C-alpha cells in the first residue's frame, strides 16, 4: 500500500527547511534538480491497496541515493538521516523529523521491490543530472552539482 500524502498547508509554529537551510548546499541544490515524480510514477504500480502503508517512495529512493553518494551502509544512512537536516530535506521533508525514517532492513526490501529496472531508473536520473560522463552506479558527485 502506498503511503498517504502528508499535508504541508500548515506546519504550526515550526519553520520550514526552506526558511532555514542554505540554498547553496549541494544536497539542497541536488534535491531540487531531481525529477522525483518519475520514481513515484514508476514504482507506484509495485504497491497494492492492502496492508500496512509503505514508506514514501521519495524517502526510500533518496536514502538509496544518499547511501551511494556517501558510500555508507544501510544502517549508517538511516542513522545519519536522523541527524542531518539536509538529508531530511533531500528526502522531501519540510521540517525536522525527530525519528529515524525506517529500519535499515526496509531498504533491502525496497531494493528487492524495485528490482534491477528500478535501480537502472535511479541511475538514468543521475546521468541526466550529471551528464553522460557519469561513470559510477550513482554518479551524483556533490562536488559537481552546479
N, C-alpha and C. Protein backbone atom coordinates (compact mmCIF):
# COMPACT_ATOMS: atom_id res chain seq x y z
N UNK A 1 0.84 -1.17 0.00
CA UNK A 1 0.00 0.00 0.00
C UNK A 1 0.89 1.24 0.00
N UNK A 2 0.58 2.20 -0.84
CA UNK A 2 1.36 3.43 -0.90
C UNK A 2 1.11 4.27 0.34
N UNK A 3 2.11 5.06 0.71
CA UNK A 3 1.97 5.97 1.85
C UNK A 3 1.01 7.09 1.49
N UNK A 4 0.29 7.56 2.47
CA UNK A 4 -0.61 8.68 2.24
C UNK A 4 0.18 9.97 2.14
N UNK A 5 -0.27 10.88 1.29
CA UNK A 5 0.38 12.18 1.13
C UNK A 5 0.18 12.99 2.40
N UNK A 6 1.25 13.67 2.84
CA UNK A 6 1.16 14.49 4.03
C UNK A 6 0.81 15.91 3.65
N UNK A 7 -0.06 16.51 4.42
CA UNK A 7 -0.44 17.89 4.19
C UNK A 7 0.65 18.81 4.71
N UNK A 8 1.02 19.79 3.90
CA UNK A 8 2.02 20.76 4.33
C UNK A 8 1.43 22.16 4.36
N UNK A 9 0.10 22.24 4.35
CA UNK A 9 -0.54 23.54 4.30
C UNK A 9 -0.33 24.34 5.58
N UNK A 10 -0.22 23.66 6.72
CA UNK A 10 0.00 24.38 7.96
C UNK A 10 0.98 23.58 8.80
N UNK A 11 2.11 24.17 9.08
CA UNK A 11 3.13 23.49 9.85
C UNK A 11 3.17 23.99 11.29
N UNK A 12 2.26 24.83 11.67
CA UNK A 12 2.22 25.34 13.04
C UNK A 12 3.27 26.40 13.27
N UNK A 13 3.86 26.36 14.43
CA UNK A 13 4.84 27.38 14.81
C UNK A 13 6.25 27.05 14.35
N UNK A 14 6.42 25.90 13.75
CA UNK A 14 7.74 25.47 13.31
C UNK A 14 8.06 26.08 11.95
N UNK A 15 9.32 26.48 11.79
CA UNK A 15 9.72 26.99 10.49
C UNK A 15 10.07 25.82 9.58
N UNK A 16 10.01 26.06 8.29
CA UNK A 16 10.29 25.01 7.32
C UNK A 16 11.77 25.01 6.95
N UNK A 17 12.20 23.92 6.35
CA UNK A 17 13.57 23.84 5.88
C UNK A 17 13.86 24.93 4.85
N UNK A 18 12.87 25.25 4.03
CA UNK A 18 13.06 26.30 3.02
C UNK A 18 13.54 27.60 3.68
N UNK A 19 13.09 27.86 4.89
CA UNK A 19 13.46 29.08 5.60
C UNK A 19 14.80 28.95 6.33
N UNK A 20 15.22 27.74 6.62
CA UNK A 20 16.40 27.52 7.46
C UNK A 20 17.67 27.18 6.70
N UNK A 21 17.56 26.42 5.63
CA UNK A 21 18.73 25.84 5.00
C UNK A 21 19.39 26.77 3.99
N UNK A 22 20.67 26.53 3.79
CA UNK A 22 21.41 27.27 2.78
C UNK A 22 21.03 26.74 1.40
N UNK A 23 20.62 27.63 0.55
CA UNK A 23 20.26 27.24 -0.82
C UNK A 23 21.49 26.92 -1.67
N UNK A 24 22.66 27.13 -1.10
CA UNK A 24 23.91 26.83 -1.80
C UNK A 24 24.47 25.46 -1.44
N UNK A 25 23.87 24.80 -0.46
CA UNK A 25 24.35 23.47 -0.06
C UNK A 25 24.10 22.48 -1.20
N UNK A 26 25.09 21.63 -1.50
CA UNK A 26 24.94 20.69 -2.62
C UNK A 26 23.70 19.79 -2.54
N UNK A 27 23.34 19.32 -1.36
CA UNK A 27 22.15 18.46 -1.26
C UNK A 27 20.87 19.26 -1.48
N UNK A 28 20.86 20.51 -1.07
CA UNK A 28 19.70 21.38 -1.32
C UNK A 28 19.52 21.55 -2.83
N UNK A 29 20.61 21.83 -3.51
CA UNK A 29 20.57 22.02 -4.96
C UNK A 29 20.16 20.73 -5.66
N UNK A 30 20.78 19.63 -5.27
CA UNK A 30 20.50 18.34 -5.90
C UNK A 30 19.05 17.92 -5.70
N UNK A 31 18.52 18.16 -4.51
CA UNK A 31 17.13 17.79 -4.22
C UNK A 31 16.16 18.48 -5.17
N UNK A 32 16.51 19.68 -5.61
CA UNK A 32 15.63 20.44 -6.49
C UNK A 32 15.91 20.20 -7.97
N UNK A 33 16.96 19.44 -8.29
CA UNK A 33 17.26 19.10 -9.68
C UNK A 33 16.66 17.76 -10.08
N UNK A 34 16.47 16.88 -9.12
CA UNK A 34 15.98 15.53 -9.41
C UNK A 34 14.49 15.58 -9.71
N UNK A 35 14.09 14.85 -10.73
CA UNK A 35 12.67 14.72 -11.06
C UNK A 35 12.11 13.55 -10.25
N UNK A 36 11.64 13.84 -9.06
CA UNK A 36 11.16 12.81 -8.13
C UNK A 36 9.89 12.13 -8.65
N UNK A 37 9.13 12.82 -9.47
CA UNK A 37 7.87 12.25 -9.97
C UNK A 37 8.08 11.00 -10.81
N UNK A 38 9.21 10.88 -11.49
CA UNK A 38 9.42 9.69 -12.30
C UNK A 38 9.48 8.44 -11.43
N UNK A 39 10.00 8.58 -10.21
CA UNK A 39 10.06 7.43 -9.31
C UNK A 39 8.68 7.11 -8.76
N UNK A 40 7.93 8.15 -8.42
CA UNK A 40 6.55 7.93 -7.93
C UNK A 40 5.73 7.19 -8.98
N UNK A 41 5.82 7.64 -10.22
CA UNK A 41 5.04 7.04 -11.30
C UNK A 41 5.50 5.61 -11.60
N UNK A 42 6.80 5.40 -11.62
CA UNK A 42 7.33 4.08 -11.98
C UNK A 42 7.10 3.04 -10.89
N UNK A 43 7.21 3.45 -9.63
CA UNK A 43 7.17 2.48 -8.54
C UNK A 43 5.79 2.32 -7.91
N UNK A 44 4.87 3.22 -8.16
CA UNK A 44 3.53 3.14 -7.56
C UNK A 44 2.84 1.83 -7.92
N UNK A 45 3.06 1.35 -9.12
CA UNK A 45 2.40 0.11 -9.56
C UNK A 45 2.91 -1.12 -8.82
N UNK A 46 4.01 -0.99 -8.08
CA UNK A 46 4.57 -2.11 -7.34
C UNK A 46 3.91 -2.30 -5.97
N UNK A 47 2.95 -1.43 -5.64
CA UNK A 47 2.28 -1.46 -4.34
C UNK A 47 0.81 -1.84 -4.52
N UNK A 48 0.27 -2.49 -3.51
CA UNK A 48 -1.15 -2.84 -3.54
C UNK A 48 -1.93 -1.88 -2.64
N UNK A 49 -3.23 -1.99 -2.66
CA UNK A 49 -4.08 -1.16 -1.81
C UNK A 49 -4.33 -1.80 -0.46
N UNK A 50 -3.72 -2.93 -0.22
CA UNK A 50 -3.94 -3.65 1.02
C UNK A 50 -2.69 -3.62 1.89
N UNK A 51 -2.89 -3.87 3.18
CA UNK A 51 -1.76 -3.97 4.09
C UNK A 51 -1.36 -2.64 4.69
N UNK A 52 -0.28 -2.69 5.40
CA UNK A 52 0.25 -1.51 6.09
C UNK A 52 0.81 -0.52 5.06
N UNK A 53 0.57 0.76 5.23
CA UNK A 53 1.13 1.74 4.29
C UNK A 53 2.65 1.69 4.26
N UNK A 54 3.19 1.79 3.08
CA UNK A 54 4.64 1.76 2.90
C UNK A 54 5.23 3.13 3.21
N UNK A 55 6.53 3.15 3.32
CA UNK A 55 7.24 4.42 3.44
C UNK A 55 7.12 5.16 2.11
N UNK A 56 7.15 6.48 2.13
CA UNK A 56 7.07 7.24 0.87
C UNK A 56 8.17 6.84 -0.11
N UNK A 57 7.82 6.77 -1.36
CA UNK A 57 8.77 6.37 -2.39
C UNK A 57 9.95 7.33 -2.45
N UNK A 58 9.69 8.63 -2.37
CA UNK A 58 10.81 9.58 -2.42
C UNK A 58 11.77 9.35 -1.26
N UNK A 59 11.26 9.06 -0.09
CA UNK A 59 12.13 8.79 1.06
C UNK A 59 13.05 7.61 0.76
N UNK A 60 12.48 6.54 0.27
CA UNK A 60 13.27 5.33 0.04
C UNK A 60 14.28 5.54 -1.08
N UNK A 61 13.88 6.21 -2.15
CA UNK A 61 14.82 6.48 -3.25
C UNK A 61 15.93 7.40 -2.76
N UNK A 62 15.58 8.42 -2.00
CA UNK A 62 16.60 9.35 -1.52
C UNK A 62 17.58 8.66 -0.58
N UNK A 63 17.11 7.74 0.25
CA UNK A 63 18.02 7.01 1.13
C UNK A 63 18.99 6.16 0.31
N UNK A 64 18.49 5.52 -0.76
CA UNK A 64 19.39 4.75 -1.62
C UNK A 64 20.42 5.66 -2.28
N UNK A 65 19.99 6.82 -2.73
CA UNK A 65 20.91 7.77 -3.37
C UNK A 65 21.96 8.25 -2.36
N UNK A 66 21.52 8.64 -1.18
CA UNK A 66 22.45 9.12 -0.15
C UNK A 66 23.44 8.03 0.24
N UNK A 67 22.96 6.82 0.33
CA UNK A 67 23.82 5.68 0.67
C UNK A 67 24.96 5.57 -0.33
N UNK A 68 24.64 5.70 -1.62
CA UNK A 68 25.66 5.57 -2.66
C UNK A 68 26.51 6.83 -2.78
N UNK A 69 25.91 7.98 -2.62
CA UNK A 69 26.68 9.24 -2.69
C UNK A 69 27.74 9.26 -1.60
N UNK A 70 27.36 8.86 -0.40
CA UNK A 70 28.26 8.90 0.75
C UNK A 70 29.04 7.61 0.95
N UNK A 71 28.71 6.57 0.17
CA UNK A 71 29.38 5.28 0.27
C UNK A 71 29.32 4.73 1.69
N UNK A 72 28.11 4.60 2.21
CA UNK A 72 27.89 4.12 3.57
C UNK A 72 26.88 2.97 3.56
N UNK A 73 26.73 2.33 4.69
CA UNK A 73 25.83 1.18 4.82
C UNK A 73 24.38 1.64 4.98
N UNK A 74 23.48 0.68 4.85
CA UNK A 74 22.06 0.96 5.09
C UNK A 74 21.86 1.50 6.51
N UNK A 75 22.50 0.87 7.47
CA UNK A 75 22.37 1.29 8.87
C UNK A 75 22.86 2.72 9.06
N UNK A 76 24.00 3.05 8.45
CA UNK A 76 24.57 4.38 8.60
C UNK A 76 23.71 5.46 7.96
N UNK A 77 23.16 5.19 6.78
CA UNK A 77 22.35 6.21 6.12
C UNK A 77 21.09 6.51 6.92
N UNK A 78 20.50 5.47 7.52
CA UNK A 78 19.30 5.67 8.35
C UNK A 78 19.65 6.50 9.58
N UNK A 79 20.76 6.17 10.22
CA UNK A 79 21.19 6.90 11.41
C UNK A 79 21.55 8.35 11.07
N UNK A 80 22.28 8.55 9.99
CA UNK A 80 22.69 9.90 9.60
C UNK A 80 21.50 10.74 9.16
N UNK A 81 20.51 10.11 8.56
CA UNK A 81 19.31 10.84 8.14
C UNK A 81 18.66 11.52 9.34
N UNK A 82 18.60 10.80 10.45
CA UNK A 82 18.02 11.34 11.68
C UNK A 82 18.79 12.57 12.17
N UNK A 83 20.08 12.59 11.95
CA UNK A 83 20.95 13.65 12.46
C UNK A 83 21.18 14.80 11.48
N UNK A 84 20.83 14.64 10.22
CA UNK A 84 21.23 15.60 9.19
C UNK A 84 19.99 16.22 8.53
N UNK A 85 19.79 17.51 8.75
CA UNK A 85 18.60 18.15 8.19
C UNK A 85 18.67 18.26 6.67
N UNK A 86 19.86 18.28 6.10
CA UNK A 86 19.97 18.30 4.64
C UNK A 86 19.54 16.95 4.05
N UNK A 87 19.85 15.87 4.72
CA UNK A 87 19.36 14.56 4.30
C UNK A 87 17.83 14.55 4.33
N UNK A 88 17.28 15.10 5.40
CA UNK A 88 15.82 15.10 5.54
C UNK A 88 15.18 15.96 4.45
N UNK A 89 15.75 17.12 4.16
CA UNK A 89 15.23 17.96 3.08
C UNK A 89 15.33 17.23 1.75
N UNK A 90 16.46 16.58 1.52
CA UNK A 90 16.68 15.84 0.27
C UNK A 90 15.60 14.78 0.08
N UNK A 91 15.13 14.21 1.17
CA UNK A 91 14.12 13.15 1.07
C UNK A 91 12.70 13.68 1.03
N UNK A 92 12.53 14.99 1.02
CA UNK A 92 11.20 15.56 0.85
C UNK A 92 10.55 16.09 2.11
N UNK A 93 11.23 16.00 3.23
CA UNK A 93 10.67 16.55 4.46
C UNK A 93 10.66 18.07 4.40
N UNK A 94 9.64 18.66 5.00
CA UNK A 94 9.51 20.12 5.01
C UNK A 94 10.02 20.72 6.32
N UNK A 95 10.07 19.92 7.38
CA UNK A 95 10.60 20.36 8.67
C UNK A 95 11.24 19.16 9.36
N UNK A 96 11.98 19.43 10.42
CA UNK A 96 12.76 18.40 11.10
C UNK A 96 11.89 17.27 11.63
N UNK A 97 12.30 16.05 11.36
CA UNK A 97 11.62 14.85 11.87
C UNK A 97 12.51 14.24 12.95
N UNK A 98 11.97 14.13 14.13
CA UNK A 98 12.73 13.65 15.29
C UNK A 98 12.55 12.15 15.44
N UNK A 99 12.84 11.41 14.39
CA UNK A 99 12.74 9.95 14.41
C UNK A 99 13.50 9.39 13.22
N UNK A 100 13.92 8.15 13.32
CA UNK A 100 14.56 7.53 12.17
C UNK A 100 13.51 7.32 11.09
N UNK A 101 13.90 7.38 9.82
CA UNK A 101 12.91 7.30 8.74
C UNK A 101 12.35 5.90 8.53
N UNK A 102 13.14 4.89 8.85
CA UNK A 102 12.74 3.50 8.65
C UNK A 102 13.77 2.61 9.31
N UNK A 103 13.52 1.34 9.28
CA UNK A 103 14.53 0.36 9.69
C UNK A 103 15.46 0.13 8.51
N UNK A 104 16.71 -0.12 8.78
CA UNK A 104 17.68 -0.35 7.70
C UNK A 104 17.25 -1.51 6.80
N UNK A 105 16.62 -2.51 7.37
CA UNK A 105 16.18 -3.67 6.58
C UNK A 105 15.13 -3.30 5.53
N UNK A 106 14.41 -2.20 5.77
CA UNK A 106 13.40 -1.77 4.79
C UNK A 106 14.04 -1.33 3.48
N UNK A 107 15.29 -0.89 3.52
CA UNK A 107 16.00 -0.55 2.28
C UNK A 107 16.25 -1.80 1.44
N UNK A 108 16.53 -2.91 2.11
CA UNK A 108 16.72 -4.18 1.40
C UNK A 108 15.42 -4.57 0.70
N UNK A 109 14.31 -4.49 1.43
CA UNK A 109 13.01 -4.83 0.85
C UNK A 109 12.66 -3.90 -0.31
N UNK A 110 12.99 -2.61 -0.17
CA UNK A 110 12.69 -1.65 -1.24
C UNK A 110 13.53 -1.97 -2.49
N UNK A 111 14.82 -2.26 -2.30
CA UNK A 111 15.67 -2.62 -3.45
C UNK A 111 15.12 -3.86 -4.15
N UNK A 112 14.69 -4.84 -3.36
CA UNK A 112 14.11 -6.04 -3.96
C UNK A 112 12.81 -5.72 -4.68
N UNK A 113 12.02 -4.82 -4.13
CA UNK A 113 10.74 -4.46 -4.75
C UNK A 113 10.94 -3.79 -6.09
N UNK A 114 11.88 -2.82 -6.16
CA UNK A 114 12.06 -2.08 -7.41
C UNK A 114 12.91 -2.86 -8.41
N UNK A 115 13.70 -3.79 -7.94
CA UNK A 115 14.49 -4.66 -8.81
C UNK A 115 15.54 -3.91 -9.61
N UNK A 116 16.11 -4.63 -10.55
CA UNK A 116 17.15 -4.07 -11.41
C UNK A 116 16.64 -2.90 -12.24
N UNK A 117 15.40 -3.02 -12.71
CA UNK A 117 14.83 -1.93 -13.52
C UNK A 117 14.71 -0.64 -12.71
N UNK A 118 14.34 -0.75 -11.45
CA UNK A 118 14.23 0.43 -10.59
C UNK A 118 15.58 1.06 -10.32
N UNK A 119 16.58 0.23 -10.07
CA UNK A 119 17.94 0.75 -9.84
C UNK A 119 18.43 1.44 -11.12
N UNK A 120 18.13 0.87 -12.27
CA UNK A 120 18.52 1.48 -13.54
C UNK A 120 17.82 2.82 -13.75
N UNK A 121 16.57 2.94 -13.31
CA UNK A 121 15.87 4.22 -13.41
C UNK A 121 16.55 5.28 -12.56
N UNK A 122 16.97 4.91 -11.37
CA UNK A 122 17.70 5.84 -10.50
C UNK A 122 19.01 6.22 -11.17
N UNK A 123 19.68 5.26 -11.77
CA UNK A 123 20.93 5.52 -12.49
C UNK A 123 20.72 6.50 -13.65
N UNK A 124 19.65 6.27 -14.44
CA UNK A 124 19.38 7.16 -15.57
C UNK A 124 19.10 8.59 -15.11
N UNK A 125 18.42 8.75 -14.00
CA UNK A 125 18.17 10.11 -13.49
C UNK A 125 19.47 10.76 -13.04
N UNK A 126 20.37 9.97 -12.46
CA UNK A 126 21.66 10.54 -12.06
C UNK A 126 22.48 10.95 -13.27
N UNK A 127 22.38 10.18 -14.35
CA UNK A 127 23.08 10.55 -15.59
C UNK A 127 22.48 11.84 -16.15
N UNK A 128 21.16 11.97 -16.11
CA UNK A 128 20.51 13.18 -16.62
C UNK A 128 21.03 14.41 -15.88
N UNK A 129 21.23 14.29 -14.58
CA UNK A 129 21.69 15.42 -13.78
C UNK A 129 23.16 15.72 -14.01
N UNK A 130 23.98 14.66 -14.09
CA UNK A 130 25.43 14.84 -14.17
C UNK A 130 25.99 14.80 -15.58
N UNK A 131 25.16 14.48 -16.55
CA UNK A 131 25.65 14.39 -17.92
C UNK A 131 26.10 12.99 -18.24
N UNK A 132 26.44 12.78 -19.48
CA UNK A 132 26.76 11.44 -19.96
C UNK A 132 28.11 10.92 -19.48
N UNK A 133 28.93 11.78 -18.85
CA UNK A 133 30.24 11.31 -18.41
C UNK A 133 30.21 10.67 -17.03
N UNK A 134 29.03 10.53 -16.42
CA UNK A 134 28.94 9.85 -15.13
C UNK A 134 29.36 8.40 -15.32
N UNK A 135 30.15 7.88 -14.36
CA UNK A 135 30.66 6.53 -14.57
C UNK A 135 30.48 5.61 -13.37
N UNK A 136 29.83 6.05 -12.32
CA UNK A 136 29.57 5.17 -11.18
C UNK A 136 28.12 4.74 -11.21
N UNK A 137 27.76 3.84 -10.30
CA UNK A 137 26.37 3.38 -10.24
C UNK A 137 25.44 4.55 -9.99
N UNK A 138 25.81 5.44 -9.10
CA UNK A 138 25.07 6.68 -8.88
C UNK A 138 26.08 7.81 -8.91
N UNK A 139 26.39 8.34 -10.08
CA UNK A 139 27.47 9.32 -10.19
C UNK A 139 27.05 10.73 -9.80
N UNK A 140 26.24 10.86 -8.76
CA UNK A 140 25.81 12.18 -8.33
C UNK A 140 26.83 12.75 -7.37
N UNK A 141 27.98 13.11 -7.88
CA UNK A 141 29.01 13.70 -7.04
C UNK A 141 28.55 15.07 -6.61
N UNK A 142 28.50 15.27 -5.32
CA UNK A 142 28.03 16.54 -4.79
C UNK A 142 28.93 17.70 -5.20
N UNK A 143 30.20 17.42 -5.45
CA UNK A 143 31.10 18.50 -5.86
C UNK A 143 30.80 18.98 -7.27
N UNK A 144 30.11 18.16 -8.06
CA UNK A 144 29.84 18.52 -9.45
C UNK A 144 28.52 19.23 -9.63
N UNK A 145 27.67 19.25 -8.61
CA UNK A 145 26.37 19.90 -8.74
C UNK A 145 26.59 21.39 -8.81
N UNK A 146 26.14 22.04 -9.91
CA UNK A 146 26.37 23.49 -10.05
C UNK A 146 25.57 24.29 -9.04
